[in-house]
Every structure is written in structure tokens, then in C-alpha cells.
Amino acid sequence: MIPLPSRISQPALLLAALALALAPSARAAVKLPNILSDHAVLQRDAPLHIWGWADPGESVTVTFHDQQRSAAADRLGHWEIYLAPERAGGPFELRVAAANTIVLSDILIGDVWFASGQSNMEMPLEGFPGQSVVKNAAQEIATADQPNIRLLLIGEKASNYPLPDQPATWTLCTPATATKFSAVAYLFGREIQQREHVPIGLIDSTWGGSPAETWISLDAISADASLMPVFAVWSALADQQQDLPAVLKAEEREAAAAKLAGRPVEFHWHPDLDSWRPAALFNAMVAPATPFALKGVIWYQGETNSGPDRNRLYQRVFSTLISDWRSQWQMGNFPFLYVQISAYQADSAGGWGTLRDQQRRTLDLTNTAMAVSFDVGDAGNIHPSDKQTVAARLVLAARALAYGEAVEYSGPLFQQAAVEGAGLRIWFNHTGGKLVSKSPTLTGFEVAGDDHHFVAATARIERDTVFVSSPQVAQARYVRYAWADVPDATLYNAAGLPASTFTSEF
């Protein structure tokens, strides 16, 4: 036992201890996560999940609309309450009472969409100043006063473990808030709101240049041995960091010399190390939102995974991401709608074609849809300005998968190819009963024989199939379409939607 200091008497200590025992204990205030804030949109027709933190054992009562329920915080101070589903409507008040009381106002019930990915989803309505602009940006911003749309912009952050909360709260959709918000997400949400006539909540959780694997939980990555190459990529990037300061100085010297000589300055991109760490963005920018019910996800990412050492693995990586998010949210196979990467002169030796095909193959997962975008790309800018067409194609997918409309939402998708004479006949899904070419000559097809050497093919539409051949290939065995980084490809369906990149080679 540690001896008592001689200057404090035993009776004084006993009196102090008695006073502490009789004094009322200090209680921690009940808290809500920031995603439950004023102006929030809660998902309609789904159990309303309200959760937070309080003292262990403390009773918490939640009152909303005509419902009231209570629960006690567990031994770690966590509590949660599920209220019965509600129809679209509002505004309502949400009251949470314990030792203290929290009152949230202007709560709407509607549909919540989670928008994520890299820079083409991140690109705000104002564009990237000095780099890229959004088509008709000034007009879009001026008309962004949309009281039935609410915005939650999750800031860029990485973490080594899943975080329970993030700092962002909901805001009204105004020209000021929409300016900095994802253009694709806003344009998508605006059209959904105008069609469905329900409040729409949009969550923007994006980080430009991030690879897909940083958006997947470590649990999901580590459960699949075939995904171990993502750690090799991370390891190689980490190894480069010790020389990065010297590399940056060398690039500055080279740029200065180029300017003096009147030569173009070569651009070097160095990713933020945090944004490439496997699971890091899932932990900080997705995990805090997974208790919050949603209608579905829209996703635009892939350029960072298009390198030759990674693109063939993308279907596995991306499929794991989709399955992981569905598991984390515990809301079944909610609609997951994504954009196929666009057209850009990346000089990647077919890397973008491979990545686009891997995205197409991810459609094997149920309740997924893909918006083709290479026909509205920009060969000279990785951030094309036409975000309206991209959003409109995502809306078509949402109308079909999320809202049950009988509407064509996809361009022609490769189904199978069969040898016919010296050429190949190709069948497609989503033809709408008719295939069309947007130019007098159907372009974009290549064929190869057993040597796998592809050459340009002559193609013609015959009803809802395409026949391809080439005098340079005695017997065609394989066909691919729109394979170049910037494809000259003209196949569409009756609904005016473009066919996806594909290959029958593997």
C-alpha cells in the first residue's frame, strides 16, 4: 500500500471520500452521430434506425412523428432504436431524450442515395477550377435551389480502422452548397426528385485518384486470397515514399529547365498515400454511414485501376466492393449503379478497354446496372464536362432497378459470339429489338484468329445481331469492340444507348 502523505490527516480523507460517495454522479450527454442532424433525409419504407451514445445503462427515448420507443445503452454506452417505416413526407421533428434532450428539426422522409468513387464522381458542379468545367455549370448552379433535396458532403479522410462517426452534417440544397457538391450526384438526384416527387438525400463520399480497394473493408479483402495483389500495389507505392522528396525536387528542376527552353512541362501525378491504403477510405468515409438506411448507390471509379498490373483483377475487386457494401449496410441487394470509365487518350495499350470490359463483367452481380460513357468523353481531358448525360443514364438505371419502371436502361451488352463462315455472329442483350449505327459505317469492331492478334473488322447489323469479319483473318475466333482508350465505336440500341466495350477473348 502506498503511504498517505503526512500533511493530510486520515479524518480529512475519510470526509472527502464520503462527500464523493454522496454527491450526484456526473452523466455524459446523450449523443447522436453527425449523419443524424437537422435537415436530414431518412429512408422511406424502411425501418428508421436511430442510434448514438450515452452512459452505460442509461435509458434513451426517441420520439418521431407518431412513434415513441426507448432503449438502454449497453455497457460500452452504445444504444440503438428502430422505429417503424414511414411513407415519404415531412418536415418532422426528431426528439432524443435521456439525461439531456436533443431535438432535430426539418427532417424529411424520402430516398437516400450514396454517391462514391474517384474524381469524376467527386467533380463538383463548379468543376475543378483551372482544370475542368461542367457543361452549363453557371445555369445548373443558378437553378440549384432545391428544397426537397438535401446534401451531405463527407470530407476526405483515411483511417486504419472503421470509425463510428464523421464530421459532416446535412445541408439544404442551394446554389451555395450545390456548387461544391458532386455534379453527377446532384444532377442524378434532381431528376429522381422531379420524377418521384419525394425528398431526396444525397451523400457525397469521394476522393479523386483513389483505387477501388481503398473503399473495401479489410474483412472483405482478407477473406479472398485472390485479392492479395492489392497489397503488392500498396507495398510498391509505400516503398517509393522514401525517395519522394528527392523526386519532387528533381521534377521541379526539370520543369524549370523546360520552361526556360520553351518546351512543354511534363506533369507528374503523385497520389496521396492515405487515399491508396487498402480499406482506409472505407474505414473513414463509408463505415460511419453504414447504419444509415439508403435506397441505393451510384459509383464512378476505375481509372486508377486501369494499369496493366491491375486491370484484369478489377472484376474481382469491384464485385467484392459491391458485395461488401451490401453486407455492411445489411439491407439486402440494394441497387448498385455505376459508370463505365469514359474515353481518354491515356496511351495505356488497351488498359482502359480492359478495365471497361471488367466493369461490364461485374454486371453478373444481381441488381447492378452500368452507364456507358465513352461516347461523351474527352480524349484530352480525363474529366469530361458532360456530366448531364452520365447522370441521365444513371437515372434510367434507377428507374428500372430501384423504382420498377419498364424502361430500357442499358445499351447493347455482349451475350455470345459464334463462328459463321470465316467470320463471327454476335448476339446482344438490351437491343430493344433493334441495333443501329450512329454513322453510315458501323465501326469499333476487331477480330482475331487463333493467334489472338486483333485487326479492324468489317461489321454489319443484321436485325438484332452483328456479323464481323476481316480479309486479314482467315478464320475469326475472337471479337472485341470499343477497345481503344478513345474508341471510334458507333453501335447503339433502339433507345439510343451505346453498346459497351467487350471482348470474347477471355
Protein backbone atom coordinates (compact mmCIF):
# COMPACT_ATOMS: atom_id res chain seq x y z
CA MET A 1 0.00 0.00 0.00
CA ILE A 2 1.27 3.49 -0.82
CA PRO A 3 1.67 5.52 2.41
CA LEU A 4 -0.54 8.54 2.85
CA PRO A 5 1.16 11.95 2.69
CA SER A 6 1.83 13.11 6.23
CA ARG A 7 0.34 16.56 5.64
CA ILE A 8 -3.21 15.17 5.04
CA SER A 9 -4.98 13.76 8.07
CA GLN A 10 -6.90 10.48 7.98
CA PRO A 11 -10.19 12.13 9.12
CA ALA A 12 -9.98 14.67 6.26
CA LEU A 13 -9.55 11.90 3.73
CA LEU A 14 -12.49 9.98 5.13
CA LEU A 15 -14.71 13.06 4.93
CA ALA A 16 -13.66 13.69 1.32
CA ALA A 17 -14.40 10.11 0.33
CA LEU A 18 -17.84 10.31 1.98
CA ALA A 19 -18.65 13.52 0.12
CA LEU A 20 -17.74 11.96 -3.21
CA ALA A 21 -19.91 8.93 -2.49
CA LEU A 22 -22.94 11.06 -1.65
CA ALA A 23 -22.54 13.56 -4.50
CA PRO A 24 -24.66 13.01 -7.67
CA SER A 25 -22.59 11.30 -10.37
CA ALA A 26 -21.74 13.31 -13.49
CA ARG A 27 -23.50 11.96 -16.53
CA ALA A 28 -22.38 12.15 -20.13
CA ALA A 29 -24.78 13.81 -22.51
CA VAL A 30 -26.62 11.55 -24.93
CA LYS A 31 -25.12 11.97 -28.41
CA LEU A 32 -26.15 11.29 -31.99
CA PRO A 33 -23.87 10.65 -34.97
CA ASN A 34 -23.48 13.66 -37.24
CA ILE A 35 -25.32 11.90 -40.06
CA LEU A 36 -28.42 12.32 -37.87
CA SER A 37 -28.72 16.10 -37.97
CA ASP A 38 -31.14 18.88 -38.83
CA HIS A 39 -32.28 18.74 -42.49
CA ALA A 40 -31.58 15.00 -42.80
CA VAL A 41 -33.49 12.71 -45.15
CA LEU A 42 -34.39 9.32 -43.67
CA GLN A 43 -35.08 6.41 -45.99
CA ARG A 44 -38.78 5.84 -46.61
CA ASP A 45 -40.45 2.40 -46.36
CA ALA A 46 -37.55 1.03 -44.29
CA PRO A 47 -37.12 0.72 -40.51
CA LEU A 48 -35.90 4.05 -39.16
CA HIS A 49 -32.60 3.39 -37.42
CA ILE A 50 -31.73 5.90 -34.70
CA TRP A 51 -28.52 5.30 -32.74
CA GLY A 52 -25.88 7.03 -30.65
CA TRP A 53 -24.02 7.06 -27.36
CA ALA A 54 -24.91 7.63 -23.71
CA ASP A 55 -23.83 6.45 -20.26
CA PRO A 56 -23.84 2.66 -19.90
CA GLY A 57 -27.29 1.57 -18.79
CA GLU A 58 -28.86 4.97 -19.42
CA SER A 59 -32.41 4.91 -20.80
CA VAL A 60 -32.86 6.76 -24.10
CA THR A 61 -36.27 7.64 -25.57
CA VAL A 62 -36.77 8.53 -29.23
CA THR A 63 -39.92 10.35 -30.39
CA PHE A 64 -40.64 10.85 -34.08
CA HIS A 65 -43.90 11.67 -35.82
CA ASP A 66 -46.43 9.44 -34.04
CA GLN A 67 -43.87 6.95 -32.72
CA GLN A 68 -42.01 6.67 -29.43
CA ARG A 69 -39.62 3.93 -28.27
CA SER A 70 -36.97 3.53 -25.59
CA ALA A 71 -33.79 1.51 -25.11
CA ALA A 72 -30.92 1.33 -22.66
CA ALA A 73 -27.29 1.95 -23.60
CA ASP A 74 -25.11 -1.14 -23.39
CA ARG A 75 -22.03 -1.49 -21.19
CA LEU A 76 -19.97 0.49 -23.73
CA GLY A 77 -22.52 3.27 -23.98
CA HIS A 78 -23.92 2.29 -27.38
CA TRP A 79 -27.66 2.42 -27.97
CA GLU A 80 -29.94 1.99 -30.96
CA ILE A 81 -33.65 2.12 -31.65
CA TYR A 82 -35.61 1.05 -34.69
CA LEU A 83 -38.86 2.84 -35.49
CA ALA A 84 -41.46 1.52 -37.91
CA PRO A 85 -41.09 2.51 -41.58
CA GLU A 86 -42.70 5.75 -42.69
CA ARG A 87 -44.00 7.00 -46.01
CA ALA A 88 -42.38 9.93 -47.78
CA GLY A 89 -43.16 13.25 -46.18
CA GLY A 90 -42.11 15.90 -43.71
CA PRO A 91 -40.75 18.10 -42.38
CA PHE A 92 -40.84 16.38 -38.99
CA GLU A 93 -39.12 16.76 -35.63
CA LEU A 94 -36.95 14.04 -34.08
CA ARG A 95 -36.56 14.14 -30.29
CA VAL A 96 -33.99 12.09 -28.35
CA ALA A 97 -34.27 12.29 -24.56
CA ALA A 98 -32.07 10.93 -21.79
CA ALA A 99 -30.22 12.97 -19.15
CA ASN A 100 -30.35 15.68 -21.78
CA THR A 101 -32.63 16.18 -24.80
CA ILE A 102 -31.69 16.59 -28.46
CA VAL A 103 -34.24 17.98 -30.91
CA LEU A 104 -33.60 17.70 -34.64
CA SER A 105 -35.78 19.78 -36.95
CA ASP A 106 -36.69 19.78 -40.63
CA ILE A 107 -36.36 16.01 -41.02
CA LEU A 108 -37.72 14.61 -44.28
CA ILE A 109 -38.65 11.05 -45.26
CA GLY A 110 -37.67 10.09 -48.80
CA ASP A 111 -34.94 8.28 -50.71
CA VAL A 112 -31.24 8.35 -49.83
CA TRP A 113 -28.55 7.73 -52.45
CA PHE A 114 -24.87 7.22 -51.60
CA ALA A 115 -22.50 8.56 -54.28
CA SER A 116 -18.90 7.45 -54.22
CA GLY A 117 -15.75 6.85 -56.26
CA GLN A 118 -12.93 8.99 -57.56
CA SER A 119 -12.57 12.33 -59.33
CA ASN A 120 -15.29 12.04 -61.98
CA MET A 121 -17.84 11.46 -59.22
CA GLU A 122 -16.10 13.98 -56.97
CA MET A 123 -16.05 16.71 -59.66
CA PRO A 124 -18.27 19.44 -58.19
CA LEU A 125 -20.90 21.38 -60.03
CA GLU A 126 -18.47 24.28 -60.36
CA GLY A 127 -15.90 21.92 -61.87
CA PHE A 128 -12.26 21.75 -60.86
CA PRO A 129 -11.16 25.41 -61.08
CA GLY A 130 -8.40 25.86 -63.62
CA GLN A 131 -8.70 22.25 -64.80
CA SER A 132 -12.14 21.07 -65.83
CA VAL A 133 -15.62 22.56 -66.12
CA VAL A 134 -19.08 21.07 -66.03
CA LYS A 135 -21.24 21.77 -69.06
CA ASN A 136 -23.69 24.63 -68.42
CA ALA A 137 -22.27 25.00 -64.90
CA ALA A 138 -23.48 28.55 -64.34
CA GLN A 139 -27.06 27.67 -65.25
CA GLU A 140 -27.01 24.47 -63.20
CA ILE A 141 -25.72 26.31 -60.14
CA ALA A 142 -28.22 29.17 -60.52
CA THR A 143 -31.15 26.72 -60.50
CA ALA A 144 -29.85 24.56 -57.63
CA ASP A 145 -32.28 25.94 -55.06
CA GLN A 146 -34.00 22.59 -54.43
CA PRO A 147 -35.75 22.47 -51.03
CA ASN A 148 -36.68 18.78 -51.42
CA ILE A 149 -33.05 17.75 -51.94
CA ARG A 150 -30.64 17.57 -49.02
CA LEU A 151 -26.85 17.19 -49.26
CA LEU A 152 -24.25 15.53 -47.05
CA LEU A 153 -20.65 16.05 -48.16
CA ILE A 154 -18.27 13.69 -46.38
CA GLY A 155 -14.76 15.14 -46.28
CA GLU A 156 -11.64 13.30 -47.40
CA LYS A 157 -10.25 11.24 -44.56
CA ALA A 158 -8.44 7.92 -44.11
CA SER A 159 -8.31 5.60 -41.12
CA ASN A 160 -6.66 2.33 -40.13
CA TYR A 161 -9.88 1.08 -38.57
CA PRO A 162 -13.64 1.68 -39.04
CA LEU A 163 -14.73 4.96 -37.48
CA PRO A 164 -18.07 5.32 -35.67
CA ASP A 165 -18.69 8.85 -36.94
CA GLN A 166 -17.62 11.54 -39.38
CA PRO A 167 -17.88 15.35 -39.05
CA ALA A 168 -20.30 16.29 -41.84
CA THR A 169 -23.95 17.21 -41.26
CA TRP A 170 -26.85 17.65 -43.69
CA THR A 171 -27.42 20.91 -45.52
CA LEU A 172 -30.17 22.34 -47.66
CA CYS A 173 -29.54 22.15 -51.41
CA THR A 174 -28.88 25.72 -52.53
CA PRO A 175 -26.66 27.28 -55.20
CA ALA A 176 -24.02 27.79 -52.50
CA THR A 177 -24.00 24.18 -51.27
CA ALA A 178 -24.52 22.51 -54.66
CA THR A 179 -21.54 24.40 -56.10
CA LYS A 180 -19.11 22.24 -54.10
CA PHE A 181 -21.14 19.03 -54.36
CA SER A 182 -20.69 16.16 -56.82
CA ALA A 183 -22.15 17.24 -60.17
CA VAL A 184 -23.14 13.70 -61.16
CA ALA A 185 -24.80 13.08 -57.81
CA TYR A 186 -26.67 16.39 -57.82
CA LEU A 187 -27.88 16.03 -61.42
CA PHE A 188 -28.94 12.45 -60.71
CA GLY A 189 -30.77 13.39 -57.52
CA ARG A 190 -32.51 16.36 -59.12
CA GLU A 191 -34.05 14.23 -61.86
CA ILE A 192 -35.03 11.45 -59.44
CA GLN A 193 -36.73 14.01 -57.21
CA GLN A 194 -38.61 15.56 -60.13
CA ARG A 195 -39.80 12.12 -61.28
CA GLU A 196 -40.60 10.50 -57.94
CA HIS A 197 -41.87 13.65 -56.16
CA VAL A 198 -40.29 12.58 -52.87
CA PRO A 199 -37.49 14.16 -50.84
CA ILE A 200 -34.03 13.02 -51.92
CA GLY A 201 -30.96 12.80 -49.70
CA LEU A 202 -27.58 12.68 -51.43
CA ILE A 203 -24.38 11.61 -49.69
CA ASP A 204 -21.15 12.54 -51.49
CA SER A 205 -18.24 10.37 -50.30
CA THR A 206 -15.48 10.66 -52.91
CA TRP A 207 -11.71 11.03 -53.25
CA GLY A 208 -10.09 11.72 -56.61
CA GLY A 209 -7.45 9.27 -57.79
CA SER A 210 -8.37 6.60 -55.25
CA PRO A 211 -8.23 2.90 -56.21
CA ALA A 212 -11.22 0.67 -55.60
CA GLU A 213 -9.52 -1.41 -52.91
CA THR A 214 -9.28 1.51 -50.51
CA TRP A 215 -13.09 1.60 -50.45
CA ILE A 216 -13.39 -2.07 -49.36
CA SER A 217 -13.26 -3.28 -45.76
CA LEU A 218 -10.22 -5.24 -44.62
CA ASP A 219 -12.57 -8.06 -43.65
CA ALA A 220 -13.70 -8.44 -47.26
CA ILE A 221 -10.22 -8.08 -48.79
CA SER A 222 -8.61 -10.55 -46.41
CA ALA A 223 -11.38 -13.11 -46.98
CA ASP A 224 -10.31 -13.60 -50.62
CA ALA A 225 -6.75 -14.78 -51.31
CA SER A 226 -7.08 -13.74 -54.96
CA LEU A 227 -7.14 -10.10 -53.80
CA MET A 228 -3.68 -10.22 -52.25
CA PRO A 229 -2.16 -8.36 -55.27
CA VAL A 230 -3.79 -5.17 -53.97
CA PHE A 231 -1.33 -5.29 -51.08
CA ALA A 232 1.56 -5.68 -53.52
CA VAL A 233 0.48 -2.46 -55.24
CA TRP A 234 0.23 -0.72 -51.87
CA SER A 235 3.65 -2.06 -50.87
CA ALA A 236 5.29 -0.78 -54.06
CA LEU A 237 3.78 2.68 -53.53
CA ALA A 238 4.88 2.75 -49.90
CA ASP A 239 8.42 1.78 -50.89
CA GLN A 240 8.60 4.82 -53.18
CA GLN A 241 7.94 7.28 -50.37
CA GLN A 242 11.48 7.36 -49.02
CA ASP A 243 12.71 8.90 -52.29
CA LEU A 244 9.64 11.08 -52.89
CA PRO A 245 11.14 14.37 -51.58
CA ALA A 246 14.14 13.97 -53.89
CA VAL A 247 11.87 13.00 -56.78
CA LEU A 248 9.75 16.13 -56.29
CA LYS A 249 12.83 18.36 -56.25
CA ALA A 250 14.14 16.72 -59.42
CA GLU A 251 10.79 17.27 -61.15
CA GLU A 252 10.83 20.94 -60.12
CA ARG A 253 14.27 21.37 -61.66
CA GLU A 254 13.18 19.62 -64.86
CA ALA A 255 10.05 21.78 -65.10
CA ALA A 256 12.07 24.98 -64.64
CA ALA A 257 14.52 23.89 -67.34
CA ALA A 258 11.65 23.06 -69.70
CA LYS A 259 10.09 26.50 -69.21
CA LEU A 260 13.40 28.24 -69.92
CA ALA A 261 13.84 26.20 -73.09
CA GLY A 262 10.24 26.81 -74.22
CA ARG A 263 9.38 23.12 -74.00
CA PRO A 264 6.10 21.73 -72.61
CA VAL A 265 6.26 20.99 -68.90
CA GLU A 266 5.61 17.34 -68.16
CA PHE A 267 3.00 16.71 -65.49
CA HIS A 268 3.76 14.14 -62.78
CA TRP A 269 0.97 12.90 -60.54
CA HIS A 270 1.80 11.58 -57.09
CA PRO A 271 -1.20 10.16 -55.23
CA ASP A 272 -1.93 10.94 -51.62
CA LEU A 273 -0.62 7.90 -49.79
CA ASP A 274 -3.63 7.83 -47.44
CA SER A 275 -6.03 7.52 -50.37
CA TRP A 276 -4.33 4.33 -51.64
CA ARG A 277 -4.12 2.33 -48.42
CA PRO A 278 -6.41 -0.73 -48.66
CA ALA A 279 -9.61 -0.19 -46.63
CA ALA A 280 -8.54 3.28 -45.43
CA LEU A 281 -11.34 5.21 -47.13
CA PHE A 282 -13.91 2.55 -46.32
CA ASN A 283 -12.98 2.95 -42.66
CA ALA A 284 -13.30 6.73 -42.56
CA MET A 285 -15.76 7.64 -45.34
CA VAL A 286 -18.09 4.64 -45.67
CA ALA A 287 -18.23 2.78 -42.35
CA PRO A 288 -19.76 5.72 -40.41
CA ALA A 289 -22.68 5.78 -42.89
CA THR A 290 -23.45 2.05 -42.92
CA PRO A 291 -26.00 2.20 -40.08
CA PHE A 292 -27.92 4.82 -42.09
CA ALA A 293 -30.54 3.29 -44.38
CA LEU A 294 -30.42 4.10 -48.09
CA LYS A 295 -32.13 3.43 -51.40
CA GLY A 296 -29.02 2.61 -53.39
CA VAL A 297 -25.51 3.54 -54.51
CA ILE A 298 -24.15 5.37 -57.54
CA TRP A 299 -20.44 4.85 -58.28
CA TYR A 300 -17.92 6.27 -60.74
CA GLN A 301 -14.37 4.93 -60.43
CA GLY A 302 -11.89 2.79 -62.32
CA GLU A 303 -9.27 4.96 -63.98
CA THR A 304 -6.80 4.36 -61.14
CA ASN A 305 -7.18 0.59 -61.52
CA SER A 306 -6.57 0.61 -65.29
CA GLY A 307 -2.83 -0.10 -65.21
CA PRO A 308 -1.57 -3.33 -66.82
CA ASP A 309 -0.65 -4.84 -63.46
CA ARG A 310 -4.16 -4.37 -62.09
CA ASN A 311 -6.91 -4.11 -64.71
CA ARG A 312 -7.52 -7.87 -65.14
CA LEU A 313 -8.27 -8.11 -61.42
CA TYR A 314 -10.85 -5.33 -61.41
CA GLN A 315 -13.94 -7.51 -61.79
CA ARG A 316 -12.94 -9.40 -58.66
CA VAL A 317 -12.06 -6.24 -56.75
CA PHE A 318 -15.20 -4.37 -57.79
CA SER A 319 -17.52 -7.34 -57.20
CA THR A 320 -16.02 -7.67 -53.72
CA LEU A 321 -16.69 -3.98 -53.05
CA ILE A 322 -20.34 -4.25 -54.06
CA SER A 323 -20.91 -7.40 -52.03
CA ASP A 324 -19.04 -5.93 -49.07
CA TRP A 325 -21.11 -2.75 -49.02
CA ARG A 326 -24.33 -4.72 -49.24
CA SER A 327 -23.18 -6.85 -46.33
CA GLN A 328 -22.12 -3.82 -44.28
CA TRP A 329 -25.42 -2.00 -44.78
CA GLN A 330 -27.47 -5.15 -44.11
CA MET A 331 -30.24 -4.01 -46.46
CA GLY A 332 -30.11 -6.84 -48.99
CA ASN A 333 -29.03 -6.44 -52.60
CA PHE A 334 -29.86 -2.75 -52.95
CA PRO A 335 -29.38 -1.19 -56.42
CA PHE A 336 -25.74 -0.52 -57.22
CA LEU A 337 -25.48 1.70 -60.31
CA TYR A 338 -22.12 2.60 -61.77
CA VAL A 339 -20.49 4.47 -64.62
CA GLN A 340 -18.13 2.71 -67.02
CA ILE A 341 -14.97 4.80 -67.39
CA SER A 342 -15.02 7.22 -70.26
CA ALA A 343 -12.69 7.88 -73.21
CA TYR A 344 -9.29 9.44 -72.62
CA GLN A 345 -6.02 9.32 -74.54
CA ALA A 346 -4.14 7.53 -71.80
CA ASP A 347 -1.68 5.66 -74.08
CA SER A 348 -2.38 2.61 -71.96
CA ALA A 349 -2.05 -0.08 -74.67
CA GLY A 350 -5.65 -1.11 -74.20
CA GLY A 351 -5.69 -0.74 -70.42
CA TRP A 352 -8.85 1.34 -70.47
CA GLY A 353 -10.51 -1.15 -72.80
CA THR A 354 -9.65 -3.97 -70.42
CA LEU A 355 -10.96 -2.01 -67.44
CA ARG A 356 -14.21 -1.14 -69.22
CA ASP A 357 -14.69 -4.82 -70.06
CA GLN A 358 -14.04 -5.79 -66.43
CA GLN A 359 -16.71 -3.32 -65.39
CA ARG A 360 -19.10 -4.90 -67.89
CA ARG A 361 -18.43 -8.35 -66.44
CA THR A 362 -19.30 -7.08 -62.96
CA LEU A 363 -22.91 -6.95 -64.17
CA ASP A 364 -23.02 -10.65 -63.26
CA LEU A 365 -23.94 -9.41 -59.78
CA THR A 366 -27.66 -9.07 -59.21
CA ASN A 367 -29.35 -5.67 -59.15
CA THR A 368 -26.46 -3.83 -60.78
CA ALA A 369 -26.50 -1.56 -63.82
CA MET A 370 -23.84 0.27 -65.80
CA ALA A 371 -23.97 3.58 -67.63
CA VAL A 372 -21.67 3.64 -70.67
CA SER A 373 -19.93 7.00 -71.04
CA PHE A 374 -17.10 6.76 -73.60
CA ASP A 375 -19.26 8.40 -76.29
CA VAL A 376 -19.45 11.59 -74.18
CA GLY A 377 -15.80 11.54 -73.12
CA ASP A 378 -12.98 13.93 -73.93
CA ALA A 379 -9.79 12.48 -75.39
CA GLY A 380 -7.78 15.38 -74.00
CA ASN A 381 -9.35 15.64 -70.52
CA ILE A 382 -9.78 12.84 -68.02
CA HIS A 383 -12.65 14.85 -66.53
CA PRO A 384 -15.18 15.27 -69.36
CA SER A 385 -17.59 18.17 -68.97
CA ASP A 386 -20.80 16.36 -69.94
CA LYS A 387 -21.97 15.13 -66.57
CA GLN A 388 -25.62 15.59 -67.58
CA THR A 389 -25.63 12.61 -69.95
CA VAL A 390 -23.85 10.46 -67.38
CA ALA A 391 -26.40 11.36 -64.71
CA ALA A 392 -29.31 10.81 -67.11
CA ARG A 393 -28.11 7.28 -67.88
CA LEU A 394 -27.79 6.52 -64.19
CA VAL A 395 -31.34 7.80 -63.74
CA LEU A 396 -32.55 5.34 -66.39
CA ALA A 397 -30.93 2.53 -64.41
CA ALA A 398 -32.51 3.78 -61.19
CA ARG A 399 -35.93 4.00 -62.79
CA ALA A 400 -35.67 0.35 -63.82
CA LEU A 401 -33.89 -1.23 -60.84
CA ALA A 402 -34.90 0.97 -57.92
CA TYR A 403 -38.33 2.21 -58.97
CA GLY A 404 -39.63 -0.69 -61.07
CA GLU A 405 -40.34 1.16 -64.31
CA ALA A 406 -40.46 -0.76 -67.57
CA VAL A 407 -37.82 1.37 -69.25
CA GLU A 408 -34.75 0.42 -71.26
CA TYR A 409 -31.78 1.41 -69.14
CA SER A 410 -28.78 -0.19 -70.82
CA GLY A 411 -27.10 -0.11 -74.19
CA PRO A 412 -26.44 -3.39 -76.02
CA LEU A 413 -24.47 -5.86 -73.90
CA PHE A 414 -22.44 -8.69 -75.41
CA GLN A 415 -24.13 -12.06 -74.97
CA GLN A 416 -22.24 -14.50 -77.20
CA ALA A 417 -20.33 -14.87 -80.47
CA ALA A 418 -20.45 -17.89 -82.78
CA VAL A 419 -18.35 -18.83 -85.80
CA GLU A 420 -20.21 -18.35 -89.06
CA GLY A 421 -18.16 -18.99 -92.18
CA ALA A 422 -14.91 -17.06 -91.87
CA GLY A 423 -16.49 -14.51 -89.55
CA LEU A 424 -18.43 -14.28 -86.31
CA ARG A 425 -22.05 -13.52 -85.50
CA ILE A 426 -22.60 -11.60 -82.27
CA TRP A 427 -25.73 -11.58 -80.13
CA PHE A 428 -26.55 -8.88 -77.60
CA ASN A 429 -28.89 -8.26 -74.71
CA HIS A 430 -30.70 -4.91 -74.37
CA THR A 431 -31.16 -4.36 -78.07
CA GLY A 432 -34.73 -3.12 -77.74
CA GLY A 433 -35.41 -5.28 -80.80
CA LYS A 434 -33.15 -3.18 -82.98
CA LEU A 435 -29.50 -2.30 -83.33
CA VAL A 436 -28.45 0.91 -85.04
CA SER A 437 -25.23 2.62 -86.05
CA LYS A 438 -24.70 6.31 -85.34
CA SER A 439 -22.65 6.62 -88.54
CA PRO A 440 -23.09 5.27 -92.09
CA THR A 441 -20.41 2.67 -91.37
CA LEU A 442 -20.55 0.52 -88.23
CA THR A 443 -17.18 0.95 -86.54
CA GLY A 444 -15.34 -0.19 -83.43
CA PHE A 445 -15.10 -3.96 -84.05
CA GLU A 446 -11.91 -6.03 -84.24
CA VAL A 447 -11.44 -9.75 -84.83
CA ALA A 448 -8.61 -12.19 -84.20
CA GLY A 449 -7.79 -15.75 -85.12
CA ASP A 450 -6.13 -18.41 -83.00
CA ASP A 451 -3.04 -16.17 -82.72
CA HIS A 452 -5.07 -13.59 -80.71
CA HIS A 453 -3.80 -10.79 -82.96
CA PHE A 454 -6.66 -8.33 -83.39
CA VAL A 455 -7.25 -6.32 -86.55
CA ALA A 456 -10.01 -3.95 -87.61
CA ALA A 457 -13.11 -5.78 -88.81
CA THR A 458 -15.89 -5.05 -91.26
CA ALA A 459 -19.17 -5.10 -89.37
CA ARG A 460 -22.78 -5.01 -90.41
CA ILE A 461 -26.04 -5.08 -88.48
CA GLU A 462 -28.44 -7.90 -89.32
CA ARG A 463 -31.65 -7.49 -87.35
CA ASP A 464 -30.56 -7.65 -83.69
CA THR A 465 -27.16 -9.22 -84.36
CA VAL A 466 -23.85 -8.03 -85.80
CA PHE A 467 -21.75 -10.00 -88.28
CA VAL A 468 -17.99 -9.28 -88.33
CA SER A 469 -15.13 -10.48 -90.49
CA SER A 470 -11.79 -9.38 -91.92
CA PRO A 471 -9.86 -10.45 -95.05
CA GLN A 472 -6.76 -10.41 -92.84
CA VAL A 473 -8.11 -13.20 -90.62
CA ALA A 474 -8.78 -16.48 -92.40
CA GLN A 475 -10.92 -17.79 -89.54
CA ALA A 476 -12.14 -15.38 -86.88
CA ARG A 477 -12.20 -16.83 -83.36
CA TYR A 478 -12.44 -13.78 -81.15
CA VAL A 479 -14.12 -10.39 -81.38
CA ARG A 480 -13.82 -7.23 -79.35
CA TYR A 481 -15.48 -3.84 -79.52
CA ALA A 482 -14.61 -0.28 -78.44
CA TRP A 483 -11.28 -1.47 -77.10
CA ALA A 484 -9.15 1.62 -77.67
CA ASP A 485 -8.68 4.19 -74.93
CA VAL A 486 -10.68 6.55 -77.17
CA PRO A 487 -12.96 4.27 -79.18
CA ASP A 488 -14.33 5.05 -82.61
CA ALA A 489 -17.43 3.00 -81.90
CA THR A 490 -20.94 3.57 -83.24
CA LEU A 491 -23.25 0.74 -82.11
CA TYR A 492 -26.42 1.76 -80.24
CA ASN A 493 -29.81 0.23 -79.46
CA ALA A 494 -33.30 1.44 -80.32
CA ALA A 495 -33.37 3.54 -77.13
CA GLY A 496 -30.31 5.50 -78.27
CA LEU A 497 -27.98 3.97 -75.68
CA PRO A 498 -24.41 2.98 -76.66
CA ALA A 499 -23.08 -0.57 -76.63
CA SER A 500 -20.45 -1.40 -74.02
CA THR A 501 -16.84 -2.27 -74.61
CA PHE A 502 -16.44 -6.06 -74.65
CA THR A 503 -14.18 -8.90 -75.69
CA SER A 504 -14.93 -12.59 -76.25
CA GLU A 505 -11.24 -13.44 -75.79
CA PHE A 506 -11.41 -14.39 -72.10
